[in-house]
Amino acid sequence: MIESAFATIRHRSSRAKGCVSRQTMLSMTCKMGMSDEKSWRRLRGFRQLTRVIEGVTFTDGIEIIEDSRAAA
């Protein structure tokens, strides 16, 4: 299951709605985002995203190069 990066902020800010001032809510969401950022995972292979968009196929992270010639 993939959870939104902002699920924690959305959940906590909806719980505290109406209990605090707007400025307090903004600072609270900023602090929660900064603390959640420490546990986020970086995307690996971002350099290959353009090749994926172009339609290049990968298997286990290795580009599959298909020969245009048919075997006789």
PDB file of N, CA and C in Angstrom:
ATOM      1  N   MET A   1       0.841  -1.175   0.000  1.00  0.00           N
ATOM      2  CA  MET A   1       0.000   0.000   0.000  1.00  0.00           C
ATOM      3  C   MET A   1       0.887   1.238   0.000  1.00  0.00           C
ATOM      4  N   ILE A   2       0.620   2.139  -0.896  1.00  0.00           N
ATOM      5  CA  ILE A   2       1.388   3.378  -0.984  1.00  0.00           C
ATOM      6  C   ILE A   2       0.607   4.475  -0.289  1.00  0.00           C
ATOM      7  N   GLU A   3       1.240   5.086   0.673  1.00  0.00           N
ATOM      8  CA  GLU A   3       0.588   6.141   1.439  1.00  0.00           C
ATOM      9  C   GLU A   3       1.114   7.490   0.966  1.00  0.00           C
ATOM     10  N   SER A   4       0.241   8.452   0.942  1.00  0.00           N
ATOM     11  CA  SER A   4       0.630   9.790   0.521  1.00  0.00           C
ATOM     12  C   SER A   4       1.686  10.350   1.464  1.00  0.00           C
ATOM     13  N   ALA A   5       2.586  11.116   0.889  1.00  0.00           N
ATOM     14  CA  ALA A   5       3.634  11.741   1.695  1.00  0.00           C
ATOM     15  C   ALA A   5       3.049  12.739   2.683  1.00  0.00           C
ATOM     16  N   PHE A   6       1.870  13.244   2.369  1.00  0.00           N
ATOM     17  CA  PHE A   6       1.258  14.247   3.227  1.00  0.00           C
ATOM     18  C   PHE A   6       0.100  13.691   4.049  1.00  0.00           C
ATOM     19  N   ALA A   7      -0.016  12.364   4.145  1.00  0.00           N
ATOM     20  CA  ALA A   7      -1.122  11.755   4.887  1.00  0.00           C
ATOM     21  C   ALA A   7      -1.086  12.143   6.358  1.00  0.00           C
ATOM     22  N   THR A   8       0.094  12.174   6.943  1.00  0.00           N
ATOM     23  CA  THR A   8       0.227  12.540   8.356  1.00  0.00           C
ATOM     24  C   THR A   8      -0.252  13.962   8.592  1.00  0.00           C
ATOM     25  N   ILE A   9       0.151  14.862   7.729  1.00  0.00           N
ATOM     26  CA  ILE A   9      -0.249  16.262   7.877  1.00  0.00           C
ATOM     27  C   ILE A   9      -1.749  16.406   7.672  1.00  0.00           C
ATOM     28  N   ARG A  10      -2.290  15.743   6.658  1.00  0.00           N
ATOM     29  CA  ARG A  10      -3.722  15.830   6.381  1.00  0.00           C
ATOM     30  C   ARG A  10      -4.537  15.280   7.557  1.00  0.00           C
ATOM     31  N   HIS A  11      -4.102  14.164   8.096  1.00  0.00           N
ATOM     32  CA  HIS A  11      -4.822  13.548   9.210  1.00  0.00           C
ATOM     33  C   HIS A  11      -4.809  14.444  10.453  1.00  0.00           C
ATOM     34  N   ARG A  12      -3.629  14.925  10.812  1.00  0.00           N
ATOM     35  CA  ARG A  12      -3.515  15.726  12.030  1.00  0.00           C
ATOM     36  C   ARG A  12      -4.158  17.092  11.893  1.00  0.00           C
ATOM     37  N   SER A  13      -4.066  17.704  10.706  1.00  0.00           N
ATOM     38  CA  SER A  13      -4.640  19.035  10.551  1.00  0.00           C
ATOM     39  C   SER A  13      -6.166  18.968  10.528  1.00  0.00           C
ATOM     40  N   SER A  14      -6.741  17.875  10.014  1.00  0.00           N
ATOM     41  CA  SER A  14      -8.204  17.759  10.035  1.00  0.00           C
ATOM     42  C   SER A  14      -8.706  17.502  11.452  1.00  0.00           C
ATOM     43  N   ARG A  15      -7.915  16.828  12.268  1.00  0.00           N
ATOM     44  CA  ARG A  15      -8.291  16.583  13.661  1.00  0.00           C
ATOM     45  C   ARG A  15      -8.280  17.875  14.486  1.00  0.00           C
ATOM     46  N   ALA A  16      -7.340  18.757  14.193  1.00  0.00           N
ATOM     47  CA  ALA A  16      -7.179  19.974  14.984  1.00  0.00           C
ATOM     48  C   ALA A  16      -7.948  21.151  14.400  1.00  0.00           C
ATOM     49  N   LYS A  17      -8.728  20.916  13.363  1.00  0.00           N
ATOM     50  CA  LYS A  17      -9.456  22.007  12.701  1.00  0.00           C
ATOM     51  C   LYS A  17     -10.395  22.710  13.690  1.00  0.00           C
ATOM     52  N   GLY A  18     -10.290  24.014  13.767  1.00  0.00           N
ATOM     53  CA  GLY A  18     -11.147  24.795  14.649  1.00  0.00           C
ATOM     54  C   GLY A  18     -10.617  24.931  16.061  1.00  0.00           C
ATOM     55  N   CYS A  19      -9.583  24.177  16.410  1.00  0.00           N
ATOM     56  CA  CYS A  19      -9.049  24.224  17.772  1.00  0.00           C
ATOM     57  C   CYS A  19      -7.936  25.248  17.937  1.00  0.00           C
ATOM     58  N   VAL A  20      -7.323  25.617  16.832  1.00  0.00           N
ATOM     59  CA  VAL A  20      -6.176  26.526  16.891  1.00  0.00           C
ATOM     60  C   VAL A  20      -6.364  27.642  15.868  1.00  0.00           C
ATOM     61  N   SER A  21      -5.525  28.657  15.981  1.00  0.00           N
ATOM     62  CA  SER A  21      -5.592  29.754  15.023  1.00  0.00           C
ATOM     63  C   SER A  21      -4.952  29.340  13.700  1.00  0.00           C
ATOM     64  N   ARG A  22      -5.174  30.136  12.691  1.00  0.00           N
ATOM     65  CA  ARG A  22      -4.624  29.838  11.365  1.00  0.00           C
ATOM     66  C   ARG A  22      -3.103  29.825  11.389  1.00  0.00           C
ATOM     67  N   GLN A  23      -2.511  30.787  12.067  1.00  0.00           N
ATOM     68  CA  GLN A  23      -1.051  30.871  12.144  1.00  0.00           C
ATOM     69  C   GLN A  23      -0.476  29.658  12.875  1.00  0.00           C
ATOM     70  N   THR A  24      -1.125  29.229  13.937  1.00  0.00           N
ATOM     71  CA  THR A  24      -0.665  28.057  14.673  1.00  0.00           C
ATOM     72  C   THR A  24      -0.770  26.804  13.810  1.00  0.00           C
ATOM     73  N   MET A  25      -1.862  26.696  13.036  1.00  0.00           N
ATOM     74  CA  MET A  25      -2.040  25.541  12.164  1.00  0.00           C
ATOM     75  C   MET A  25      -0.973  25.497  11.075  1.00  0.00           C
ATOM     76  N   LEU A  26      -0.641  26.665  10.507  1.00  0.00           N
ATOM     77  CA  LEU A  26       0.407  26.715   9.484  1.00  0.00           C
ATOM     78  C   LEU A  26       1.761  26.303  10.041  1.00  0.00           C
ATOM     79  N   SER A  27       2.093  26.796  11.214  1.00  0.00           N
ATOM     80  CA  SER A  27       3.387  26.431  11.800  1.00  0.00           C
ATOM     81  C   SER A  27       3.408  24.961  12.199  1.00  0.00           C
ATOM     82  N   MET A  28       2.270  24.432  12.653  1.00  0.00           N
ATOM     83  CA  MET A  28       2.196  23.022  13.030  1.00  0.00           C
ATOM     84  C   MET A  28       2.377  22.124  11.806  1.00  0.00           C
ATOM     85  N   THR A  29       1.719  22.457  10.683  1.00  0.00           N
ATOM     86  CA  THR A  29       1.863  21.643   9.483  1.00  0.00           C
ATOM     87  C   THR A  29       3.277  21.733   8.909  1.00  0.00           C
ATOM     88  N   CYS A  30       3.900  22.885   9.030  1.00  0.00           N
ATOM     89  CA  CYS A  30       5.275  23.050   8.573  1.00  0.00           C
ATOM     90  C   CYS A  30       6.211  22.168   9.401  1.00  0.00           C
ATOM     91  N   LYS A  31       6.049  22.174  10.699  1.00  0.00           N
ATOM     92  CA  LYS A  31       6.885  21.358  11.581  1.00  0.00           C
ATOM     93  C   LYS A  31       6.657  19.867  11.337  1.00  0.00           C
ATOM     94  N   MET A  32       5.395  19.471  11.112  1.00  0.00           N
ATOM     95  CA  MET A  32       5.115  18.064  10.833  1.00  0.00           C
ATOM     96  C   MET A  32       5.751  17.643   9.518  1.00  0.00           C
ATOM     97  N   GLY A  33       5.694  18.505   8.516  1.00  0.00           N
ATOM     98  CA  GLY A  33       6.317  18.201   7.234  1.00  0.00           C
ATOM     99  C   GLY A  33       7.821  18.049   7.355  1.00  0.00           C
ATOM    100  N   MET A  34       8.435  18.907   8.146  1.00  0.00           N
ATOM    101  CA  MET A  34       9.876  18.825   8.342  1.00  0.00           C
ATOM    102  C   MET A  34      10.271  17.559   9.087  1.00  0.00           C
ATOM    103  N   SER A  35       9.471  17.130  10.060  1.00  0.00           N
ATOM    104  CA  SER A  35       9.797  15.906  10.789  1.00  0.00           C
ATOM    105  C   SER A  35       9.507  14.664   9.946  1.00  0.00           C
ATOM    106  N   ASP A  36       8.459  14.702   9.125  1.00  0.00           N
ATOM    107  CA  ASP A  36       8.155  13.565   8.258  1.00  0.00           C
ATOM    108  C   ASP A  36       9.179  13.410   7.143  1.00  0.00           C
ATOM    109  N   GLU A  37       9.765  14.518   6.735  1.00  0.00           N
ATOM    110  CA  GLU A  37      10.740  14.505   5.648  1.00  0.00           C
ATOM    111  C   GLU A  37      11.930  13.609   5.968  1.00  0.00           C
ATOM    112  N   LYS A  38      12.236  13.447   7.237  1.00  0.00           N
ATOM    113  CA  LYS A  38      13.370  12.627   7.648  1.00  0.00           C
ATOM    114  C   LYS A  38      13.162  11.152   7.317  1.00  0.00           C
ATOM    115  N   SER A  39      11.921  10.710   7.249  1.00  0.00           N
ATOM    116  CA  SER A  39      11.647   9.294   7.001  1.00  0.00           C
ATOM    117  C   SER A  39      11.301   9.001   5.541  1.00  0.00           C
ATOM    118  N   TRP A  40      11.265  10.015   4.682  1.00  0.00           N
ATOM    119  CA  TRP A  40      10.938   9.776   3.279  1.00  0.00           C
ATOM    120  C   TRP A  40      12.083   9.073   2.592  1.00  0.00           C
ATOM    121  N   ARG A  41      11.752   8.244   1.628  1.00  0.00           N
ATOM    122  CA  ARG A  41      12.764   7.547   0.850  1.00  0.00           C
ATOM    123  C   ARG A  41      13.005   8.300  -0.451  1.00  0.00           C
ATOM    124  N   ARG A  42      14.249   8.341  -0.865  1.00  0.00           N
ATOM    125  CA  ARG A  42      14.587   8.989  -2.129  1.00  0.00           C
ATOM    126  C   ARG A  42      14.311   8.035  -3.282  1.00  0.00           C
ATOM    127  N   LEU A  43      13.896   8.606  -4.400  1.00  0.00           N
ATOM    128  CA  LEU A  43      13.686   7.800  -5.587  1.00  0.00           C
ATOM    129  C   LEU A  43      15.046   7.476  -6.200  1.00  0.00           C
ATOM    130  N   ARG A  44      15.267   6.211  -6.433  1.00  0.00           N
ATOM    131  CA  ARG A  44      16.500   5.816  -7.098  1.00  0.00           C
ATOM    132  C   ARG A  44      16.186   5.610  -8.573  1.00  0.00           C
ATOM    133  N   GLY A  45      17.153   5.857  -9.416  1.00  0.00           N
ATOM    134  CA  GLY A  45      16.964   5.653 -10.839  1.00  0.00           C
ATOM    135  C   GLY A  45      16.216   6.777 -11.523  1.00  0.00           C
ATOM    136  N   PHE A  46      16.211   7.951 -10.937  1.00  0.00           N
ATOM    137  CA  PHE A  46      15.473   9.065 -11.535  1.00  0.00           C
ATOM    138  C   PHE A  46      16.068   9.495 -12.875  1.00  0.00           C
ATOM    139  N   ARG A  47      17.323   9.150 -13.100  1.00  0.00           N
ATOM    140  CA  ARG A  47      17.936   9.485 -14.397  1.00  0.00           C
ATOM    141  C   ARG A  47      17.351   8.640 -15.519  1.00  0.00           C
ATOM    142  N   GLN A  48      16.764   7.515 -15.169  1.00  0.00           N
ATOM    143  CA  GLN A  48      16.204   6.618 -16.170  1.00  0.00           C
ATOM    144  C   GLN A  48      14.740   6.924 -16.482  1.00  0.00           C
ATOM    145  N   LEU A  49      14.148   7.868 -15.790  1.00  0.00           N
ATOM    146  CA  LEU A  49      12.732   8.182 -16.009  1.00  0.00           C
ATOM    147  C   LEU A  49      12.466   8.662 -17.432  1.00  0.00           C
ATOM    148  N   THR A  50      13.372   9.431 -18.002  1.00  0.00           N
ATOM    149  CA  THR A  50      13.153   9.894 -19.373  1.00  0.00           C
ATOM    150  C   THR A  50      13.149   8.723 -20.345  1.00  0.00           C
ATOM    151  N   ARG A  51      13.981   7.731 -20.087  1.00  0.00           N
ATOM    152  CA  ARG A  51      14.006   6.555 -20.952  1.00  0.00           C
ATOM    153  C   ARG A  51      12.735   5.720 -20.796  1.00  0.00           C
ATOM    154  N   VAL A  52      12.209   5.669 -19.607  1.00  0.00           N
ATOM    155  CA  VAL A  52      10.945   4.951 -19.384  1.00  0.00           C
ATOM    156  C   VAL A  52       9.822   5.633 -20.142  1.00  0.00           C
ATOM    157  N   ILE A  53       9.800   6.956 -20.119  1.00  0.00           N
ATOM    158  CA  ILE A  53       8.784   7.716 -20.839  1.00  0.00           C
ATOM    159  C   ILE A  53       8.911   7.486 -22.341  1.00  0.00           C
ATOM    160  N   GLU A  54      10.135   7.331 -22.815  1.00  0.00           N
ATOM    161  CA  GLU A  54      10.357   7.070 -24.234  1.00  0.00           C
ATOM    162  C   GLU A  54       9.930   5.667 -24.643  1.00  0.00           C
ATOM    163  N   GLY A  55       9.698   4.786 -23.679  1.00  0.00           N
ATOM    164  CA  GLY A  55       9.220   3.441 -23.984  1.00  0.00           C
ATOM    165  C   GLY A  55      10.274   2.358 -23.913  1.00  0.00           C
ATOM    166  N   VAL A  56      11.451   2.664 -23.386  1.00  0.00           N
ATOM    167  CA  VAL A  56      12.503   1.662 -23.229  1.00  0.00           C
ATOM    168  C   VAL A  56      12.081   0.698 -22.124  1.00  0.00           C
ATOM    169  N   THR A  57      12.270  -0.596 -22.349  1.00  0.00           N
ATOM    170  CA  THR A  57      11.897  -1.580 -21.329  1.00  0.00           C
ATOM    171  C   THR A  57      13.097  -1.937 -20.468  1.00  0.00           C
ATOM    172  N   PHE A  58      12.846  -2.146 -19.189  1.00  0.00           N
ATOM    173  CA  PHE A  58      13.862  -2.512 -18.213  1.00  0.00           C
ATOM    174  C   PHE A  58      13.434  -3.790 -17.516  1.00  0.00           C
ATOM    175  N   THR A  59      14.405  -4.639 -17.214  1.00  0.00           N
ATOM    176  CA  THR A  59      14.161  -5.819 -16.398  1.00  0.00           C
ATOM    177  C   THR A  59      15.179  -5.811 -15.270  1.00  0.00           C
ATOM    178  N   ASP A  60      14.691  -5.769 -14.043  1.00  0.00           N
ATOM    179  CA  ASP A  60      15.539  -5.694 -12.850  1.00  0.00           C
ATOM    180  C   ASP A  60      16.515  -4.517 -12.917  1.00  0.00           C
ATOM    181  N   GLY A  61      16.077  -3.405 -13.470  1.00  0.00           N
ATOM    182  CA  GLY A  61      16.884  -2.202 -13.546  1.00  0.00           C
ATOM    183  C   GLY A  61      17.880  -2.166 -14.682  1.00  0.00           C
ATOM    184  N   ILE A  62      17.854  -3.183 -15.539  1.00  0.00           N
ATOM    185  CA  ILE A  62      18.780  -3.241 -16.672  1.00  0.00           C
ATOM    186  C   ILE A  62      17.992  -3.054 -17.957  1.00  0.00           C
ATOM    187  N   GLU A  63      18.492  -2.171 -18.792  1.00  0.00           N
ATOM    188  CA  GLU A  63      17.810  -1.875 -20.055  1.00  0.00           C
ATOM    189  C   GLU A  63      17.860  -3.087 -20.978  1.00  0.00           C
ATOM    190  N   ILE A  64      16.717  -3.430 -21.558  1.00  0.00           N
ATOM    191  CA  ILE A  64      16.631  -4.531 -22.502  1.00  0.00           C
ATOM    192  C   ILE A  64      16.805  -3.970 -23.907  1.00  0.00           C
ATOM    193  N   ILE A  65      17.850  -4.415 -24.580  1.00  0.00           N
ATOM    194  CA  ILE A  65      18.124  -3.966 -25.941  1.00  0.00           C
ATOM    195  C   ILE A  65      17.724  -5.102 -26.875  1.00  0.00           C
ATOM    196  N   GLU A  66      16.708  -4.833 -27.691  1.00  0.00           N
ATOM    197  CA  GLU A  66      16.236  -5.850 -28.615  1.00  0.00           C
ATOM    198  C   GLU A  66      16.901  -5.639 -29.965  1.00  0.00           C
ATOM    199  N   ASP A  67      17.400  -6.710 -30.530  1.00  0.00           N
ATOM    200  CA  ASP A  67      18.044  -6.651 -31.838  1.00  0.00           C
ATOM    201  C   ASP A  67      16.962  -6.547 -32.895  1.00  0.00           C
ATOM    202  N   SER A  68      17.116  -5.618 -33.825  1.00  0.00           N
ATOM    203  CA  SER A  68      16.099  -5.405 -34.851  1.00  0.00           C
ATOM    204  C   SER A  68      16.113  -6.506 -35.914  1.00  0.00           C
ATOM    205  N   ARG A  69      17.224  -7.249 -35.988  1.00  0.00           N
ATOM    206  CA  ARG A  69      17.297  -8.347 -36.951  1.00  0.00           C
ATOM    207  C   ARG A  69      16.648  -9.592 -36.376  1.00  0.00           C
ATOM    208  N   ALA A  70      15.922 -10.305 -37.209  1.00  0.00           N
ATOM    209  CA  ALA A  70      15.303 -11.557 -36.779  1.00  0.00           C
ATOM    210  C   ALA A  70      16.295 -12.692 -36.994  1.00  0.00           C
ATOM    211  N   ALA A  71      16.341 -13.614 -36.058  1.00  0.00           N
ATOM    212  CA  ALA A  71      17.257 -14.750 -36.184  1.00  0.00           C
ATOM    213  C   ALA A  71      16.750 -15.689 -37.282  1.00  0.00           C
ATOM    214  N   ALA A  72      17.672 -16.191 -38.104  1.00  0.00           N
ATOM    215  CA  ALA A  72      17.271 -17.056 -39.213  1.00  0.00           C
ATOM    216  C   ALA A  72      17.132 -18.488 -38.803  1.00  0.00           C
TER     217      ALA A  72
END
